[in-house]
């Protein structure tokens, strides 16, 4: 059997083990959810939360490993879910030998994981998407630099001579290009009111 065939065989066995594990622990987790006051159809959210979350973290860890990145958060989250699931199954198996306070504590621990699992799985999803987004950004062509008429006039002003007539002409050109009086004044080292007076004098 080739290496690829072995990998597929192991993957199939892992899937079978996961399905059997879910079937065995589902009833226990449903009962434990009832200890926290969650009953009826909603109680089935407990096994989906624990086992489904574990499955999601397992796949995410494999993907991150394939990307050459660490997966400490995913493995840690998987470990926490495994510990909580084992504790719930053990407590359920002990049945009447477990005190009421312990039952409530275990039930609350299982049900209380819901928002935490949502938070961590969202973070995990974002970390998987982020490398692809960065790759797309790096592959995108750089935008060509665009210049406005005001920028063109300003560049021309920077290359002007010190002739006052040239200054007035440049001021007029910058104003006509939409540049503010304040910006024109900063370009020539004078106050905006000075620019206004000079342009008004030219207009007269």
N, C-alpha and C. Protein backbone atom coordinates (compact mmCIF):
# COMPACT_ATOMS: atom_id res chain seq x y z
N UNK A 1 0.85 -1.20 0.00
CA UNK A 1 0.00 0.00 0.00
C UNK A 1 0.89 1.24 0.00
N UNK A 2 0.56 2.20 -0.86
CA UNK A 2 1.34 3.42 -0.94
C UNK A 2 1.12 4.29 0.29
N UNK A 3 2.00 5.28 0.45
CA UNK A 3 1.88 6.19 1.59
C UNK A 3 0.55 6.94 1.55
N UNK A 4 0.11 7.31 0.34
CA UNK A 4 -1.16 8.01 0.21
C UNK A 4 -2.31 7.12 0.65
N UNK A 5 -2.25 5.85 0.29
CA UNK A 5 -3.29 4.92 0.71
C UNK A 5 -3.32 4.74 2.21
N UNK A 6 -2.13 4.70 2.82
CA UNK A 6 -2.07 4.56 4.29
C UNK A 6 -2.68 5.77 4.96
N UNK A 7 -2.39 6.95 4.42
CA UNK A 7 -2.94 8.17 4.99
C UNK A 7 -4.47 8.16 4.93
N UNK A 8 -5.00 7.74 3.78
CA UNK A 8 -6.46 7.68 3.65
C UNK A 8 -7.06 6.64 4.59
N UNK A 9 -6.38 5.53 4.78
CA UNK A 9 -6.87 4.49 5.69
C UNK A 9 -6.89 5.01 7.12
N UNK A 10 -5.82 5.70 7.51
CA UNK A 10 -5.78 6.28 8.87
C UNK A 10 -6.86 7.33 9.02
N UNK A 11 -7.07 8.15 7.99
CA UNK A 11 -8.11 9.18 8.05
C UNK A 11 -9.49 8.55 8.23
N UNK A 12 -9.74 7.45 7.53
CA UNK A 12 -11.02 6.76 7.66
C UNK A 12 -11.20 6.21 9.07
N UNK A 13 -10.14 5.62 9.62
CA UNK A 13 -10.21 5.09 10.98
C UNK A 13 -10.43 6.19 12.00
N UNK A 14 -9.77 7.32 11.80
CA UNK A 14 -9.97 8.46 12.70
C UNK A 14 -11.42 8.92 12.65
N UNK A 15 -12.00 8.96 11.45
CA UNK A 15 -13.40 9.35 11.32
C UNK A 15 -14.33 8.39 12.05
N UNK A 16 -14.04 7.08 11.94
CA UNK A 16 -14.87 6.08 12.63
C UNK A 16 -14.76 6.25 14.13
N UNK A 17 -13.52 6.43 14.61
CA UNK A 17 -13.32 6.61 16.06
C UNK A 17 -14.04 7.85 16.56
N UNK A 18 -13.98 8.93 15.78
CA UNK A 18 -14.66 10.16 16.18
C UNK A 18 -16.17 9.96 16.25
N UNK A 19 -16.73 9.26 15.27
CA UNK A 19 -18.17 9.02 15.26
C UNK A 19 -18.60 8.16 16.45
N UNK A 20 -17.83 7.11 16.74
CA UNK A 20 -18.14 6.24 17.87
C UNK A 20 -18.02 7.00 19.18
N UNK A 21 -16.97 7.82 19.30
CA UNK A 21 -16.78 8.61 20.51
C UNK A 21 -17.95 9.56 20.73
N UNK A 22 -18.41 10.20 19.66
CA UNK A 22 -19.55 11.11 19.79
C UNK A 22 -20.79 10.35 20.22
N UNK A 23 -21.01 9.18 19.64
CA UNK A 23 -22.21 8.40 19.98
C UNK A 23 -22.19 7.97 21.45
N UNK A 24 -21.01 7.59 21.95
CA UNK A 24 -20.91 7.11 23.33
C UNK A 24 -21.07 8.24 24.34
N UNK A 25 -20.49 9.41 24.03
CA UNK A 25 -20.50 10.50 25.01
C UNK A 25 -21.71 11.41 24.87
N UNK A 26 -22.44 11.30 23.78
CA UNK A 26 -23.56 12.21 23.56
C UNK A 26 -24.60 12.11 24.66
N UNK A 27 -25.01 10.89 24.99
CA UNK A 27 -26.05 10.73 26.01
C UNK A 27 -25.59 11.26 27.37
N UNK A 28 -24.29 11.04 27.68
CA UNK A 28 -23.77 11.53 28.95
C UNK A 28 -23.76 13.05 29.00
N UNK A 29 -23.33 13.67 27.92
CA UNK A 29 -23.27 15.13 27.89
C UNK A 29 -24.67 15.74 27.90
N UNK A 30 -25.63 15.07 27.27
CA UNK A 30 -27.01 15.56 27.30
C UNK A 30 -27.54 15.53 28.73
N UNK A 31 -27.24 14.43 29.44
CA UNK A 31 -27.69 14.32 30.82
C UNK A 31 -27.00 15.34 31.72
N UNK A 32 -25.70 15.55 31.49
CA UNK A 32 -24.95 16.51 32.30
C UNK A 32 -25.47 17.93 32.05
N UNK A 33 -25.85 18.24 30.82
CA UNK A 33 -26.44 19.55 30.55
C UNK A 33 -27.71 19.75 31.35
N UNK A 34 -28.44 18.68 31.55
CA UNK A 34 -29.65 18.76 32.36
C UNK A 34 -29.35 19.12 33.81
N UNK A 35 -28.17 18.75 34.31
CA UNK A 35 -27.79 19.11 35.67
C UNK A 35 -27.66 20.62 35.82
N UNK A 36 -27.40 21.32 34.74
CA UNK A 36 -27.29 22.78 34.77
C UNK A 36 -28.60 23.46 34.38
N UNK A 37 -29.67 22.68 34.24
CA UNK A 37 -30.97 23.24 33.93
C UNK A 37 -31.27 23.34 32.45
N UNK A 38 -30.39 22.79 31.62
CA UNK A 38 -30.63 22.81 30.17
C UNK A 38 -31.23 21.48 29.77
N UNK A 39 -32.49 21.47 29.37
CA UNK A 39 -33.17 20.22 29.06
C UNK A 39 -33.87 20.33 27.69
N UNK A 40 -34.37 19.21 27.26
CA UNK A 40 -35.06 19.19 25.98
C UNK A 40 -34.08 19.21 24.81
N UNK A 41 -34.53 19.70 23.65
CA UNK A 41 -33.66 19.72 22.46
C UNK A 41 -32.37 20.51 22.67
N UNK A 42 -32.42 21.55 23.51
CA UNK A 42 -31.22 22.36 23.73
C UNK A 42 -30.10 21.56 24.39
N UNK A 43 -30.45 20.51 25.12
CA UNK A 43 -29.43 19.72 25.80
C UNK A 43 -28.49 19.06 24.80
N UNK A 44 -28.96 18.83 23.57
CA UNK A 44 -28.10 18.21 22.56
C UNK A 44 -27.02 19.16 22.06
N UNK A 45 -27.14 20.43 22.44
CA UNK A 45 -26.07 21.37 22.08
C UNK A 45 -24.78 21.05 22.83
N UNK A 46 -24.89 20.41 23.99
CA UNK A 46 -23.70 20.09 24.78
C UNK A 46 -22.74 19.15 24.05
N UNK A 47 -23.21 17.98 23.55
CA UNK A 47 -22.27 17.14 22.81
C UNK A 47 -21.77 17.77 21.51
N UNK A 48 -22.64 18.54 20.84
CA UNK A 48 -22.20 19.22 19.62
C UNK A 48 -21.11 20.24 19.95
N UNK A 49 -21.28 20.93 21.07
CA UNK A 49 -20.31 21.93 21.50
C UNK A 49 -18.97 21.27 21.81
N UNK A 50 -19.00 20.23 22.62
CA UNK A 50 -17.76 19.59 23.07
C UNK A 50 -17.07 18.82 21.94
N UNK A 51 -17.80 17.90 21.33
CA UNK A 51 -17.19 17.06 20.30
C UNK A 51 -16.99 17.80 18.98
N UNK A 52 -17.97 18.65 18.63
CA UNK A 52 -17.81 19.44 17.41
C UNK A 52 -16.67 20.44 17.53
N UNK A 53 -16.56 21.07 18.70
CA UNK A 53 -15.45 21.99 18.92
C UNK A 53 -14.11 21.28 18.86
N UNK A 54 -14.04 20.08 19.45
CA UNK A 54 -12.80 19.30 19.41
C UNK A 54 -12.42 18.96 17.98
N UNK A 55 -13.42 18.60 17.17
CA UNK A 55 -13.16 18.27 15.77
C UNK A 55 -12.66 19.49 15.00
N UNK A 56 -13.28 20.65 15.27
CA UNK A 56 -12.87 21.88 14.58
C UNK A 56 -11.44 22.25 14.94
N UNK A 57 -11.09 22.16 16.22
CA UNK A 57 -9.75 22.51 16.65
C UNK A 57 -8.72 21.52 16.09
N UNK A 58 -9.09 20.25 16.00
CA UNK A 58 -8.18 19.25 15.44
C UNK A 58 -7.85 19.57 13.99
N UNK A 59 -8.89 19.86 13.19
CA UNK A 59 -8.66 20.18 11.79
C UNK A 59 -7.86 21.47 11.64
N UNK A 60 -8.17 22.47 12.48
CA UNK A 60 -7.45 23.73 12.40
C UNK A 60 -5.97 23.54 12.72
N UNK A 61 -5.69 22.69 13.71
CA UNK A 61 -4.29 22.42 14.07
C UNK A 61 -3.55 21.75 12.91
N UNK A 62 -4.22 20.85 12.23
CA UNK A 62 -3.58 20.19 11.08
C UNK A 62 -3.32 21.17 9.95
N UNK A 63 -4.28 22.08 9.71
CA UNK A 63 -4.10 23.07 8.64
C UNK A 63 -2.94 23.99 8.97
N UNK A 64 -2.88 24.46 10.22
CA UNK A 64 -1.79 25.36 10.61
C UNK A 64 -0.44 24.66 10.54
N UNK A 65 -0.43 23.40 10.89
CA UNK A 65 0.83 22.65 10.78
C UNK A 65 1.25 22.54 9.32
N UNK A 66 0.27 22.33 8.43
CA UNK A 66 0.58 22.27 7.01
C UNK A 66 1.09 23.60 6.48
N UNK A 67 0.70 24.70 7.12
CA UNK A 67 1.16 26.03 6.73
C UNK A 67 2.51 26.36 7.34
N UNK A 68 3.03 25.44 8.16
CA UNK A 68 4.30 25.70 8.82
C UNK A 68 4.19 26.65 9.98
N UNK A 69 3.02 26.72 10.60
CA UNK A 69 2.78 27.64 11.71
C UNK A 69 2.44 26.86 12.96
N UNK A 70 2.61 27.51 14.12
CA UNK A 70 2.29 26.88 15.39
C UNK A 70 0.79 26.75 15.60
N UNK A 71 0.41 25.82 16.46
CA UNK A 71 -1.02 25.60 16.73
C UNK A 71 -1.25 25.40 18.22
N UNK A 72 -0.55 26.18 19.04
CA UNK A 72 -0.68 26.01 20.48
C UNK A 72 -2.09 26.30 20.98
N UNK A 73 -2.71 27.35 20.43
CA UNK A 73 -4.07 27.69 20.87
C UNK A 73 -5.04 26.56 20.53
N UNK A 74 -4.91 26.02 19.34
CA UNK A 74 -5.82 24.94 18.91
C UNK A 74 -5.62 23.68 19.77
N UNK A 75 -4.36 23.29 20.00
CA UNK A 75 -4.11 22.09 20.80
C UNK A 75 -4.55 22.30 22.25
N UNK A 76 -4.30 23.51 22.78
CA UNK A 76 -4.73 23.79 24.15
C UNK A 76 -6.24 23.75 24.28
N UNK A 77 -6.94 24.33 23.30
CA UNK A 77 -8.41 24.32 23.32
C UNK A 77 -8.94 22.89 23.20
N UNK A 78 -8.29 22.09 22.36
CA UNK A 78 -8.68 20.69 22.22
C UNK A 78 -8.48 19.95 23.54
N UNK A 79 -7.38 20.23 24.24
CA UNK A 79 -7.13 19.59 25.52
C UNK A 79 -8.17 19.96 26.56
N UNK A 80 -8.56 21.24 26.59
CA UNK A 80 -9.57 21.68 27.56
C UNK A 80 -10.90 20.99 27.30
N UNK A 81 -11.31 20.93 26.04
CA UNK A 81 -12.57 20.26 25.71
C UNK A 81 -12.51 18.78 26.06
N UNK A 82 -11.36 18.16 25.82
CA UNK A 82 -11.22 16.74 26.14
C UNK A 82 -11.35 16.51 27.64
N UNK A 83 -10.70 17.36 28.44
CA UNK A 83 -10.77 17.21 29.90
C UNK A 83 -12.21 17.39 30.39
N UNK A 84 -12.89 18.42 29.90
CA UNK A 84 -14.26 18.66 30.32
C UNK A 84 -15.17 17.51 29.90
N UNK A 85 -14.97 17.00 28.69
CA UNK A 85 -15.79 15.89 28.21
C UNK A 85 -15.56 14.64 29.04
N UNK A 86 -14.31 14.35 29.36
CA UNK A 86 -14.00 13.18 30.18
C UNK A 86 -14.60 13.33 31.57
N UNK A 87 -14.46 14.52 32.16
CA UNK A 87 -15.03 14.75 33.49
C UNK A 87 -16.54 14.57 33.49
N UNK A 88 -17.20 15.06 32.43
CA UNK A 88 -18.66 14.93 32.35
C UNK A 88 -19.06 13.46 32.20
N UNK A 89 -18.34 12.72 31.39
CA UNK A 89 -18.66 11.30 31.20
C UNK A 89 -18.42 10.50 32.47
N UNK A 90 -17.34 10.81 33.18
CA UNK A 90 -17.05 10.10 34.44
C UNK A 90 -18.12 10.41 35.48
N UNK A 91 -18.46 11.70 35.60
CA UNK A 91 -19.48 12.09 36.57
C UNK A 91 -20.82 11.43 36.26
N UNK A 92 -21.15 11.36 34.98
CA UNK A 92 -22.40 10.71 34.60
C UNK A 92 -22.34 9.22 34.87
N UNK A 93 -21.18 8.61 34.65
CA UNK A 93 -21.05 7.18 34.90
C UNK A 93 -21.16 6.83 36.38
N UNK A 94 -20.68 7.72 37.24
CA UNK A 94 -20.77 7.46 38.69
C UNK A 94 -22.20 7.58 39.19
N UNK A 95 -23.02 8.33 38.46
CA UNK A 95 -24.44 8.40 38.78
C UNK A 95 -24.73 8.92 40.18
N UNK A 96 -25.41 8.11 40.98
CA UNK A 96 -25.86 8.53 42.30
C UNK A 96 -24.70 8.70 43.28
N UNK A 97 -23.53 8.20 42.93
CA UNK A 97 -22.38 8.34 43.82
C UNK A 97 -21.80 9.76 43.79
N UNK A 98 -22.30 10.58 42.90
CA UNK A 98 -21.83 11.97 42.78
C UNK A 98 -22.82 12.88 43.49
N UNK A 99 -22.29 13.76 44.35
CA UNK A 99 -23.14 14.68 45.09
C UNK A 99 -23.81 15.70 44.19
N UNK A 100 -24.87 16.31 44.72
CA UNK A 100 -25.64 17.28 43.94
C UNK A 100 -24.79 18.48 43.55
N UNK A 101 -23.94 18.93 44.49
CA UNK A 101 -23.10 20.10 44.20
C UNK A 101 -22.13 19.81 43.06
N UNK A 102 -21.59 18.60 43.05
CA UNK A 102 -20.66 18.22 41.99
C UNK A 102 -21.40 18.14 40.66
N UNK A 103 -22.61 17.61 40.67
CA UNK A 103 -23.40 17.53 39.44
C UNK A 103 -23.62 18.92 38.83
N UNK A 104 -24.04 19.84 39.69
CA UNK A 104 -24.30 21.20 39.20
C UNK A 104 -23.01 21.83 38.67
N UNK A 105 -21.90 21.63 39.38
CA UNK A 105 -20.63 22.21 38.95
C UNK A 105 -20.21 21.67 37.59
N UNK A 106 -20.34 20.35 37.42
CA UNK A 106 -19.96 19.75 36.14
C UNK A 106 -20.88 20.23 35.02
N UNK A 107 -22.18 20.28 35.31
CA UNK A 107 -23.13 20.75 34.31
C UNK A 107 -22.86 22.19 33.90
N UNK A 108 -22.59 23.04 34.88
CA UNK A 108 -22.31 24.45 34.58
C UNK A 108 -21.02 24.57 33.77
N UNK A 109 -20.01 23.74 34.09
CA UNK A 109 -18.74 23.78 33.35
C UNK A 109 -18.95 23.44 31.88
N UNK A 110 -19.79 22.43 31.63
CA UNK A 110 -20.05 22.03 30.24
C UNK A 110 -20.82 23.11 29.50
N UNK A 111 -21.90 23.59 30.11
CA UNK A 111 -22.74 24.59 29.45
C UNK A 111 -22.01 25.94 29.34
N UNK A 112 -21.23 26.27 30.36
CA UNK A 112 -20.54 27.56 30.36
C UNK A 112 -19.44 27.68 29.34
N UNK A 113 -19.05 26.56 28.73
CA UNK A 113 -18.00 26.61 27.72
C UNK A 113 -18.47 27.22 26.39
N UNK A 114 -19.79 27.32 26.22
CA UNK A 114 -20.33 27.74 24.92
C UNK A 114 -19.74 29.05 24.42
N UNK A 115 -19.81 30.17 25.16
CA UNK A 115 -19.26 31.42 24.62
C UNK A 115 -17.75 31.37 24.42
N UNK A 116 -17.05 30.61 25.29
CA UNK A 116 -15.60 30.50 25.16
C UNK A 116 -15.24 29.77 23.87
N UNK A 117 -15.97 28.69 23.58
CA UNK A 117 -15.70 27.92 22.36
C UNK A 117 -15.97 28.78 21.13
N UNK A 118 -17.05 29.56 21.16
CA UNK A 118 -17.36 30.44 20.03
C UNK A 118 -16.24 31.46 19.83
N UNK A 119 -15.76 32.04 20.93
CA UNK A 119 -14.68 33.03 20.83
C UNK A 119 -13.41 32.43 20.23
N UNK A 120 -13.01 31.26 20.74
CA UNK A 120 -11.76 30.66 20.30
C UNK A 120 -11.88 30.14 18.87
N UNK A 121 -13.03 29.55 18.52
CA UNK A 121 -13.19 29.07 17.15
C UNK A 121 -13.20 30.23 16.15
N UNK A 122 -13.77 31.36 16.54
CA UNK A 122 -13.74 32.54 15.67
C UNK A 122 -12.31 33.03 15.48
N UNK A 123 -11.55 33.05 16.57
CA UNK A 123 -10.14 33.44 16.48
C UNK A 123 -9.37 32.47 15.58
N UNK A 124 -9.68 31.18 15.72
CA UNK A 124 -9.01 30.18 14.91
C UNK A 124 -9.33 30.37 13.43
N UNK A 125 -10.59 30.62 13.12
CA UNK A 125 -10.99 30.85 11.74
C UNK A 125 -10.28 32.07 11.16
N UNK A 126 -10.22 33.14 11.96
CA UNK A 126 -9.55 34.35 11.48
C UNK A 126 -8.07 34.10 11.22
N UNK A 127 -7.43 33.29 12.07
CA UNK A 127 -6.01 33.01 11.87
C UNK A 127 -5.77 32.15 10.63
N UNK A 128 -6.77 31.34 10.26
CA UNK A 128 -6.62 30.53 9.05
C UNK A 128 -6.84 31.37 7.79
N UNK A 129 -7.73 32.36 7.87
CA UNK A 129 -8.04 33.19 6.72
C UNK A 129 -6.97 34.25 6.50
N UNK A 130 -6.37 34.75 7.59
CA UNK A 130 -5.42 35.86 7.50
C UNK A 130 -4.27 35.61 6.53
N UNK A 131 -3.62 34.44 6.54
CA UNK A 131 -2.51 34.24 5.58
C UNK A 131 -2.96 34.35 4.14
N UNK A 132 -4.17 33.86 3.82
CA UNK A 132 -4.67 33.96 2.46
C UNK A 132 -4.92 35.41 2.09
N UNK A 133 -5.46 36.19 3.03
CA UNK A 133 -5.72 37.60 2.76
C UNK A 133 -4.42 38.35 2.52
N UNK A 134 -3.39 38.04 3.34
CA UNK A 134 -2.10 38.69 3.14
C UNK A 134 -1.49 38.30 1.80
N UNK A 135 -1.68 37.05 1.40
CA UNK A 135 -1.13 36.60 0.13
C UNK A 135 -1.80 37.32 -1.03
N UNK A 136 -3.13 37.48 -0.94
CA UNK A 136 -3.85 38.20 -1.99
C UNK A 136 -3.39 39.65 -2.07
N UNK A 137 -3.16 40.25 -0.90
CA UNK A 137 -2.72 41.64 -0.88
C UNK A 137 -1.33 41.78 -1.49
N UNK A 138 -0.46 40.81 -1.22
CA UNK A 138 0.89 40.89 -1.77
C UNK A 138 0.92 40.63 -3.27
N UNK A 139 -0.05 39.83 -3.77
CA UNK A 139 -0.11 39.54 -5.19
C UNK A 139 -0.76 40.65 -5.99
N UNK A 140 -1.51 41.54 -5.33
CA UNK A 140 -2.22 42.60 -6.04
C UNK A 140 -1.22 43.61 -6.59
N UNK A 141 -1.42 44.09 -7.81
CA UNK A 141 -0.50 45.08 -8.36
C UNK A 141 -0.59 46.38 -7.59
N UNK A 142 0.55 47.03 -7.44
CA UNK A 142 0.58 48.29 -6.73
C UNK A 142 -0.15 49.36 -7.53
N UNK A 143 -0.92 50.16 -6.81
CA UNK A 143 -1.68 51.22 -7.47
C UNK A 143 -0.74 52.29 -7.99
N UNK A 144 -1.02 52.74 -9.19
CA UNK A 144 -0.18 53.78 -9.78
C UNK A 144 -0.40 55.09 -9.03
N UNK A 145 0.68 55.83 -8.83
CA UNK A 145 0.57 57.10 -8.14
C UNK A 145 -0.11 58.11 -9.05
N UNK A 146 -1.07 58.81 -8.49
CA UNK A 146 -1.82 59.79 -9.25
C UNK A 146 -1.51 61.18 -8.70
N UNK A 147 -1.44 62.12 -9.55
CA UNK A 147 -1.19 63.49 -9.13
C UNK A 147 -2.36 64.36 -9.55
N UNK A 148 -2.70 65.32 -8.70
CA UNK A 148 -3.77 66.25 -8.98
C UNK A 148 -3.19 67.49 -9.63
N UNK A 149 -4.04 68.32 -10.25
CA UNK A 149 -3.54 69.57 -10.81
C UNK A 149 -2.82 70.43 -9.79
N UNK A 150 -3.35 70.44 -8.56
CA UNK A 150 -2.72 71.23 -7.51
C UNK A 150 -1.31 70.72 -7.21
N UNK A 151 -1.13 69.40 -7.21
CA UNK A 151 0.20 68.83 -6.97
C UNK A 151 1.15 69.22 -8.09
N UNK A 152 0.66 69.20 -9.34
CA UNK A 152 1.52 69.56 -10.46
C UNK A 152 1.98 71.01 -10.35
N UNK A 153 1.05 71.88 -9.96
CA UNK A 153 1.40 73.30 -9.82
C UNK A 153 2.38 73.49 -8.68
N UNK A 154 2.16 72.77 -7.58
CA UNK A 154 3.05 72.89 -6.43
C UNK A 154 4.46 72.44 -6.79
N UNK A 155 4.56 71.38 -7.60
CA UNK A 155 5.88 70.93 -8.02
C UNK A 155 6.56 71.98 -8.88
N UNK A 156 5.77 72.62 -9.72
CA UNK A 156 6.34 73.66 -10.56
C UNK A 156 6.81 74.85 -9.72
N UNK A 157 6.06 75.15 -8.66
CA UNK A 157 6.42 76.26 -7.78
C UNK A 157 7.74 75.99 -7.09
N UNK A 158 7.96 74.74 -6.70
CA UNK A 158 9.19 74.39 -6.00
C UNK A 158 10.42 74.60 -6.87
N UNK A 159 10.22 74.67 -8.20
CA UNK A 159 11.34 74.85 -9.12
C UNK A 159 11.41 76.28 -9.67
N UNK A 160 10.65 77.21 -9.05
CA UNK A 160 10.55 78.58 -9.57
C UNK A 160 11.81 79.37 -9.25
N UNK A 161 11.96 80.49 -9.95
CA UNK A 161 13.00 81.47 -9.61
C UNK A 161 12.45 82.38 -8.52
N UNK A 162 13.25 83.35 -8.07
CA UNK A 162 12.84 84.26 -7.01
C UNK A 162 12.21 85.54 -7.54
N UNK A 163 11.83 85.56 -8.80
CA UNK A 163 11.20 86.73 -9.40
C UNK A 163 9.81 86.92 -8.80
N UNK A 164 9.48 88.09 -8.20
CA UNK A 164 8.15 88.32 -7.60
C UNK A 164 7.02 88.10 -8.59
N UNK A 165 7.22 88.47 -9.83
CA UNK A 165 6.17 88.26 -10.84
C UNK A 165 5.88 86.78 -11.02
N UNK A 166 6.94 85.99 -10.96
CA UNK A 166 6.74 84.55 -11.06
C UNK A 166 5.99 84.01 -9.85
N UNK A 167 6.26 84.62 -8.66
CA UNK A 167 5.54 84.20 -7.45
C UNK A 167 4.05 84.45 -7.60
N UNK A 168 3.69 85.65 -8.08
CA UNK A 168 2.27 85.97 -8.24
C UNK A 168 1.62 85.03 -9.24
N UNK A 169 2.31 84.77 -10.34
CA UNK A 169 1.75 83.87 -11.36
C UNK A 169 1.57 82.47 -10.80
N UNK A 170 2.54 82.03 -9.98
CA UNK A 170 2.42 80.71 -9.38
C UNK A 170 1.28 80.64 -8.38
N UNK A 171 1.11 81.74 -7.61
CA UNK A 171 -0.01 81.79 -6.66
C UNK A 171 -1.34 81.71 -7.39
N UNK A 172 -1.45 82.46 -8.49
CA UNK A 172 -2.69 82.42 -9.25
C UNK A 172 -2.96 81.01 -9.79
N UNK A 173 -1.90 80.38 -10.28
CA UNK A 173 -2.08 79.04 -10.84
C UNK A 173 -2.50 78.05 -9.76
N UNK A 174 -1.91 78.16 -8.58
CA UNK A 174 -2.27 77.25 -7.49
C UNK A 174 -3.70 77.50 -7.02
N UNK A 175 -4.11 78.79 -6.96
CA UNK A 175 -5.48 79.08 -6.56
C UNK A 175 -6.47 78.54 -7.58
N UNK A 176 -6.17 78.73 -8.86
CA UNK A 176 -7.07 78.23 -9.91
C UNK A 176 -7.13 76.70 -9.91
N UNK A 177 -6.07 76.06 -9.41
CA UNK A 177 -6.06 74.60 -9.34
C UNK A 177 -6.81 74.07 -8.12
N UNK A 178 -7.31 75.00 -7.28
CA UNK A 178 -8.10 74.58 -6.12
C UNK A 178 -7.33 74.54 -4.82
N UNK A 179 -6.11 75.05 -4.80
CA UNK A 179 -5.32 75.04 -3.58
C UNK A 179 -5.80 76.16 -2.66
N UNK A 180 -5.87 75.89 -1.36
CA UNK A 180 -6.33 76.89 -0.40
C UNK A 180 -5.28 77.97 -0.22
N UNK A 181 -5.74 79.16 0.23
CA UNK A 181 -4.81 80.27 0.47
C UNK A 181 -3.80 79.92 1.55
N UNK A 182 -4.22 79.17 2.53
CA UNK A 182 -3.31 78.80 3.60
C UNK A 182 -2.18 77.92 3.08
N UNK A 183 -2.54 76.96 2.22
CA UNK A 183 -1.52 76.08 1.65
C UNK A 183 -0.57 76.86 0.75
N UNK A 184 -1.13 77.81 -0.03
CA UNK A 184 -0.29 78.64 -0.89
C UNK A 184 0.68 79.45 -0.05
N UNK A 185 0.15 80.02 1.06
CA UNK A 185 1.01 80.82 1.93
C UNK A 185 2.13 80.00 2.53
N UNK A 186 1.82 78.76 2.93
CA UNK A 186 2.85 77.90 3.49
C UNK A 186 3.93 77.58 2.45
N UNK A 187 3.50 77.48 1.19
CA UNK A 187 4.44 77.17 0.12
C UNK A 187 5.42 78.33 -0.09
N UNK A 188 4.91 79.57 0.06
CA UNK A 188 5.75 80.74 -0.20
C UNK A 188 6.30 81.36 1.09
N UNK A 189 5.94 80.80 2.22
CA UNK A 189 6.45 81.33 3.48
C UNK A 189 5.81 82.62 3.92
N UNK A 190 4.53 82.83 3.54
CA UNK A 190 3.81 84.04 3.95
C UNK A 190 2.46 83.64 4.52
N UNK A 191 1.79 84.60 5.16
CA UNK A 191 0.47 84.34 5.73
C UNK A 191 -0.58 84.28 4.63
N UNK A 192 -1.67 83.57 4.93
CA UNK A 192 -2.75 83.45 3.94
C UNK A 192 -3.33 84.80 3.58
N UNK A 193 -3.38 85.72 4.55
CA UNK A 193 -3.91 87.06 4.25
C UNK A 193 -3.01 87.81 3.27
N UNK A 194 -1.69 87.56 3.37
CA UNK A 194 -0.76 88.19 2.42
C UNK A 194 -1.02 87.68 1.01
N UNK A 195 -1.26 86.37 0.90
CA UNK A 195 -1.57 85.79 -0.40
C UNK A 195 -2.84 86.41 -0.96
N UNK A 196 -3.83 86.58 -0.09
CA UNK A 196 -5.11 87.16 -0.53
C UNK A 196 -4.92 88.58 -1.04
N UNK A 197 -4.10 89.40 -0.31
CA UNK A 197 -3.88 90.77 -0.73
C UNK A 197 -3.14 90.84 -2.07
N UNK A 198 -2.16 89.96 -2.25
CA UNK A 198 -1.40 89.99 -3.50
C UNK A 198 -2.28 89.59 -4.69
N UNK A 199 -3.11 88.58 -4.47
CA UNK A 199 -3.98 88.16 -5.57
C UNK A 199 -5.05 89.20 -5.86
N UNK A 200 -5.52 89.87 -4.78
CA UNK A 200 -6.52 90.93 -4.98
C UNK A 200 -5.92 92.09 -5.74
N UNK A 201 -4.65 92.40 -5.45
CA UNK A 201 -3.99 93.50 -6.16
C UNK A 201 -3.84 93.19 -7.63
N UNK A 202 -3.56 91.94 -7.94
CA UNK A 202 -3.43 91.55 -9.35
C UNK A 202 -4.78 91.66 -10.04
N UNK A 203 -5.86 91.30 -9.33
CA UNK A 203 -7.18 91.35 -9.93
C UNK A 203 -7.59 92.77 -10.26
N UNK A 204 -7.13 93.74 -9.42
CA UNK A 204 -7.46 95.15 -9.70
C UNK A 204 -6.66 95.65 -10.88
